[in-house]
Amino acid sequence: MKKKNAGTLILFLILGWLAGAWIAKLLEPVKALSFLTASTIIKWSPQADLDIITYNINLQFKLCLLSLAGMITAVWLYRRL
């Protein structure tokens, strides 16, 4: 049995997410598929001012059904390795 590592899984997930997002962007003009291309934005903005160190990090993730389908396909492909 081959040993699979977490780095490969993360790479597959990111590539699947990206492929799904690109397909969603290409299908945006098609009104009948708007339920697949509608994005939900998840934001996380931790920040602190500690007198000697100040930080402000903004993370924003856009998810749609096609990007979710891309990630599910990526996990399936990863398991087939």
N, C-alpha and C. Protein backbone atom coordinates (compact mmCIF):
# COMPACT_ATOMS: atom_id res chain seq x y z
N MET A 1 0.84 -1.18 0.00
CA MET A 1 0.00 0.00 0.00
C MET A 1 0.88 1.24 0.00
N LYS A 2 0.57 2.17 -0.89
CA LYS A 2 1.35 3.40 -0.97
C LYS A 2 0.99 4.34 0.17
N LYS A 3 1.98 5.08 0.64
CA LYS A 3 1.73 6.08 1.68
C LYS A 3 1.42 7.41 1.00
N LYS A 4 0.29 7.99 1.35
CA LYS A 4 -0.12 9.29 0.80
C LYS A 4 0.11 10.34 1.88
N ASN A 5 0.58 11.49 1.46
CA ASN A 5 0.84 12.54 2.45
C ASN A 5 -0.20 13.66 2.38
N ALA A 6 -0.27 14.44 3.42
CA ALA A 6 -1.26 15.52 3.53
C ALA A 6 -0.98 16.64 2.54
N GLY A 7 0.28 16.86 2.20
CA GLY A 7 0.62 17.92 1.24
C GLY A 7 0.00 17.67 -0.12
N THR A 8 0.00 16.41 -0.55
CA THR A 8 -0.61 16.07 -1.83
C THR A 8 -2.11 16.28 -1.79
N LEU A 9 -2.74 15.92 -0.68
CA LEU A 9 -4.18 16.13 -0.54
C LEU A 9 -4.52 17.61 -0.58
N ILE A 10 -3.76 18.43 0.11
CA ILE A 10 -4.00 19.88 0.11
C ILE A 10 -3.82 20.45 -1.29
N LEU A 11 -2.80 19.99 -2.00
CA LEU A 11 -2.59 20.45 -3.38
C LEU A 11 -3.77 20.06 -4.26
N PHE A 12 -4.24 18.83 -4.14
CA PHE A 12 -5.41 18.39 -4.91
C PHE A 12 -6.63 19.23 -4.58
N LEU A 13 -6.86 19.52 -3.29
CA LEU A 13 -8.02 20.32 -2.89
C LEU A 13 -7.96 21.73 -3.47
N ILE A 14 -6.80 22.34 -3.40
CA ILE A 14 -6.65 23.71 -3.93
C ILE A 14 -6.85 23.72 -5.44
N LEU A 15 -6.27 22.74 -6.13
CA LEU A 15 -6.43 22.69 -7.58
C LEU A 15 -7.89 22.40 -7.97
N GLY A 16 -8.58 21.54 -7.21
CA GLY A 16 -9.99 21.28 -7.48
C GLY A 16 -10.85 22.50 -7.24
N TRP A 17 -10.55 23.23 -6.15
CA TRP A 17 -11.27 24.47 -5.83
C TRP A 17 -11.06 25.50 -6.94
N LEU A 18 -9.83 25.63 -7.39
CA LEU A 18 -9.50 26.58 -8.44
C LEU A 18 -10.17 26.21 -9.76
N ALA A 19 -10.15 24.93 -10.12
CA ALA A 19 -10.79 24.49 -11.36
C ALA A 19 -12.29 24.74 -11.30
N GLY A 20 -12.92 24.44 -10.18
CA GLY A 20 -14.36 24.70 -10.03
C GLY A 20 -14.68 26.18 -10.11
N ALA A 21 -13.83 27.01 -9.53
CA ALA A 21 -14.06 28.47 -9.58
C ALA A 21 -13.91 28.99 -11.01
N TRP A 22 -12.93 28.47 -11.75
CA TRP A 22 -12.77 28.90 -13.15
C TRP A 22 -13.96 28.48 -14.00
N ILE A 23 -14.44 27.27 -13.80
CA ILE A 23 -15.62 26.81 -14.55
C ILE A 23 -16.83 27.67 -14.19
N ALA A 24 -16.98 28.01 -12.92
CA ALA A 24 -18.09 28.87 -12.49
C ALA A 24 -17.99 30.25 -13.14
N LYS A 25 -16.78 30.76 -13.23
CA LYS A 25 -16.59 32.08 -13.86
C LYS A 25 -16.95 32.03 -15.35
N LEU A 26 -16.61 30.92 -16.01
CA LEU A 26 -16.96 30.77 -17.42
C LEU A 26 -18.47 30.63 -17.63
N LEU A 27 -19.17 30.03 -16.67
CA LEU A 27 -20.60 29.80 -16.80
C LEU A 27 -21.47 30.90 -16.21
N GLU A 28 -20.86 31.98 -15.69
CA GLU A 28 -21.65 33.08 -15.11
C GLU A 28 -22.66 33.70 -16.08
N PRO A 29 -22.33 33.86 -17.36
CA PRO A 29 -23.33 34.47 -18.27
C PRO A 29 -24.56 33.61 -18.50
N VAL A 30 -24.51 32.32 -18.22
CA VAL A 30 -25.66 31.44 -18.43
C VAL A 30 -26.62 31.58 -17.24
N LYS A 31 -27.76 32.20 -17.47
CA LYS A 31 -28.71 32.49 -16.39
C LYS A 31 -29.30 31.21 -15.78
N ALA A 32 -29.48 30.16 -16.59
CA ALA A 32 -30.09 28.93 -16.10
C ALA A 32 -29.20 28.21 -15.08
N LEU A 33 -27.90 28.51 -15.07
CA LEU A 33 -26.97 27.86 -14.16
C LEU A 33 -26.53 28.78 -13.02
N SER A 34 -27.32 29.80 -12.73
CA SER A 34 -26.92 30.77 -11.71
C SER A 34 -26.85 30.14 -10.32
N PHE A 35 -27.61 29.06 -10.07
CA PHE A 35 -27.54 28.40 -8.76
C PHE A 35 -26.19 27.70 -8.56
N LEU A 36 -25.51 27.35 -9.65
CA LEU A 36 -24.19 26.73 -9.54
C LEU A 36 -23.07 27.75 -9.39
N THR A 37 -23.28 28.95 -9.92
CA THR A 37 -22.21 29.95 -9.96
C THR A 37 -22.33 31.00 -8.86
N ALA A 38 -23.42 31.02 -8.10
CA ALA A 38 -23.58 32.00 -7.02
C ALA A 38 -22.57 31.70 -5.91
N SER A 39 -21.78 32.69 -5.54
CA SER A 39 -20.72 32.51 -4.55
C SER A 39 -21.16 32.99 -3.17
N THR A 40 -20.64 32.29 -2.17
CA THR A 40 -20.78 32.70 -0.79
C THR A 40 -19.40 33.09 -0.29
N ILE A 41 -19.28 34.24 0.34
CA ILE A 41 -17.98 34.73 0.81
C ILE A 41 -17.86 34.49 2.31
N ILE A 42 -16.77 33.87 2.69
CA ILE A 42 -16.46 33.65 4.11
C ILE A 42 -15.26 34.51 4.44
N LYS A 43 -15.40 35.40 5.43
CA LYS A 43 -14.33 36.33 5.80
C LYS A 43 -13.87 36.06 7.22
N TRP A 44 -12.59 36.24 7.45
CA TRP A 44 -12.01 36.15 8.78
C TRP A 44 -10.92 37.21 8.86
N SER A 45 -11.03 38.12 9.83
CA SER A 45 -10.09 39.24 9.94
C SER A 45 -9.57 39.39 11.37
N PRO A 46 -8.62 38.56 11.79
CA PRO A 46 -8.05 38.76 13.12
C PRO A 46 -7.12 39.97 13.12
N GLN A 47 -7.14 40.71 14.22
CA GLN A 47 -6.25 41.87 14.34
C GLN A 47 -5.98 42.15 15.81
N ALA A 48 -4.84 42.78 16.07
CA ALA A 48 -4.49 43.14 17.44
C ALA A 48 -3.51 44.30 17.43
N ASP A 49 -3.56 45.08 18.48
CA ASP A 49 -2.60 46.16 18.71
C ASP A 49 -2.02 45.95 20.10
N LEU A 50 -0.80 45.46 20.16
CA LEU A 50 -0.17 45.09 21.44
C LEU A 50 0.96 46.06 21.81
N ASP A 51 0.86 47.30 21.41
CA ASP A 51 1.83 48.37 21.65
C ASP A 51 3.14 48.15 20.90
N ILE A 52 3.75 46.97 20.98
CA ILE A 52 5.01 46.76 20.26
C ILE A 52 4.80 46.04 18.94
N ILE A 53 3.68 45.34 18.82
CA ILE A 53 3.36 44.64 17.57
C ILE A 53 1.90 44.90 17.24
N THR A 54 1.67 45.23 15.97
CA THR A 54 0.31 45.40 15.47
C THR A 54 0.17 44.51 14.25
N TYR A 55 -0.92 43.76 14.21
CA TYR A 55 -1.15 42.95 13.01
C TYR A 55 -2.62 43.01 12.61
N ASN A 56 -2.82 42.83 11.32
CA ASN A 56 -4.15 42.83 10.74
C ASN A 56 -4.11 41.87 9.57
N ILE A 57 -4.80 40.75 9.68
CA ILE A 57 -4.81 39.73 8.64
C ILE A 57 -6.22 39.62 8.09
N ASN A 58 -6.36 39.68 6.79
CA ASN A 58 -7.67 39.54 6.15
C ASN A 58 -7.66 38.30 5.27
N LEU A 59 -8.52 37.35 5.58
CA LEU A 59 -8.68 36.16 4.77
C LEU A 59 -10.11 36.13 4.24
N GLN A 60 -10.24 35.86 2.94
CA GLN A 60 -11.55 35.81 2.32
C GLN A 60 -11.60 34.60 1.39
N PHE A 61 -12.61 33.75 1.58
CA PHE A 61 -12.79 32.57 0.76
C PHE A 61 -14.12 32.68 0.02
N LYS A 62 -14.10 32.39 -1.29
CA LYS A 62 -15.33 32.38 -2.08
C LYS A 62 -15.64 30.94 -2.45
N LEU A 63 -16.82 30.50 -2.07
CA LEU A 63 -17.26 29.14 -2.37
C LEU A 63 -18.54 29.18 -3.20
N CYS A 64 -18.62 28.31 -4.18
CA CYS A 64 -19.84 28.09 -4.93
C CYS A 64 -20.00 26.59 -5.12
N LEU A 65 -21.13 26.16 -5.62
CA LEU A 65 -21.38 24.73 -5.77
C LEU A 65 -20.38 24.08 -6.73
N LEU A 66 -19.98 24.79 -7.78
CA LEU A 66 -19.01 24.20 -8.71
C LEU A 66 -17.63 24.06 -8.09
N SER A 67 -17.22 25.00 -7.26
CA SER A 67 -15.92 24.85 -6.60
C SER A 67 -15.97 23.72 -5.56
N LEU A 68 -17.13 23.56 -4.91
CA LEU A 68 -17.30 22.45 -3.99
C LEU A 68 -17.25 21.12 -4.75
N ALA A 69 -17.88 21.07 -5.92
CA ALA A 69 -17.83 19.86 -6.75
C ALA A 69 -16.40 19.58 -7.20
N GLY A 70 -15.63 20.63 -7.50
CA GLY A 70 -14.23 20.45 -7.87
C GLY A 70 -13.41 19.87 -6.73
N MET A 71 -13.68 20.32 -5.50
CA MET A 71 -12.95 19.78 -4.35
C MET A 71 -13.35 18.33 -4.08
N ILE A 72 -14.62 17.99 -4.25
CA ILE A 72 -15.05 16.60 -4.07
C ILE A 72 -14.41 15.71 -5.12
N THR A 73 -14.33 16.18 -6.35
CA THR A 73 -13.66 15.43 -7.42
C THR A 73 -12.18 15.27 -7.11
N ALA A 74 -11.56 16.30 -6.54
CA ALA A 74 -10.14 16.23 -6.19
C ALA A 74 -9.89 15.17 -5.12
N VAL A 75 -10.78 15.09 -4.12
CA VAL A 75 -10.63 14.06 -3.09
C VAL A 75 -10.81 12.68 -3.69
N TRP A 76 -11.77 12.54 -4.61
CA TRP A 76 -11.98 11.25 -5.27
C TRP A 76 -10.73 10.85 -6.06
N LEU A 77 -10.17 11.80 -6.81
CA LEU A 77 -8.95 11.50 -7.57
C LEU A 77 -7.78 11.17 -6.65
N TYR A 78 -7.67 11.85 -5.53
CA TYR A 78 -6.61 11.59 -4.57
C TYR A 78 -6.73 10.17 -4.01
N ARG A 79 -7.92 9.75 -3.71
CA ARG A 79 -8.13 8.41 -3.18
C ARG A 79 -7.86 7.33 -4.21
N ARG A 80 -7.99 7.67 -5.50
CA ARG A 80 -7.72 6.71 -6.58
C ARG A 80 -6.23 6.54 -6.84
N LEU A 81 -5.39 7.41 -6.31
CA LEU A 81 -3.93 7.30 -6.52
C LEU A 81 -3.39 6.01 -5.94
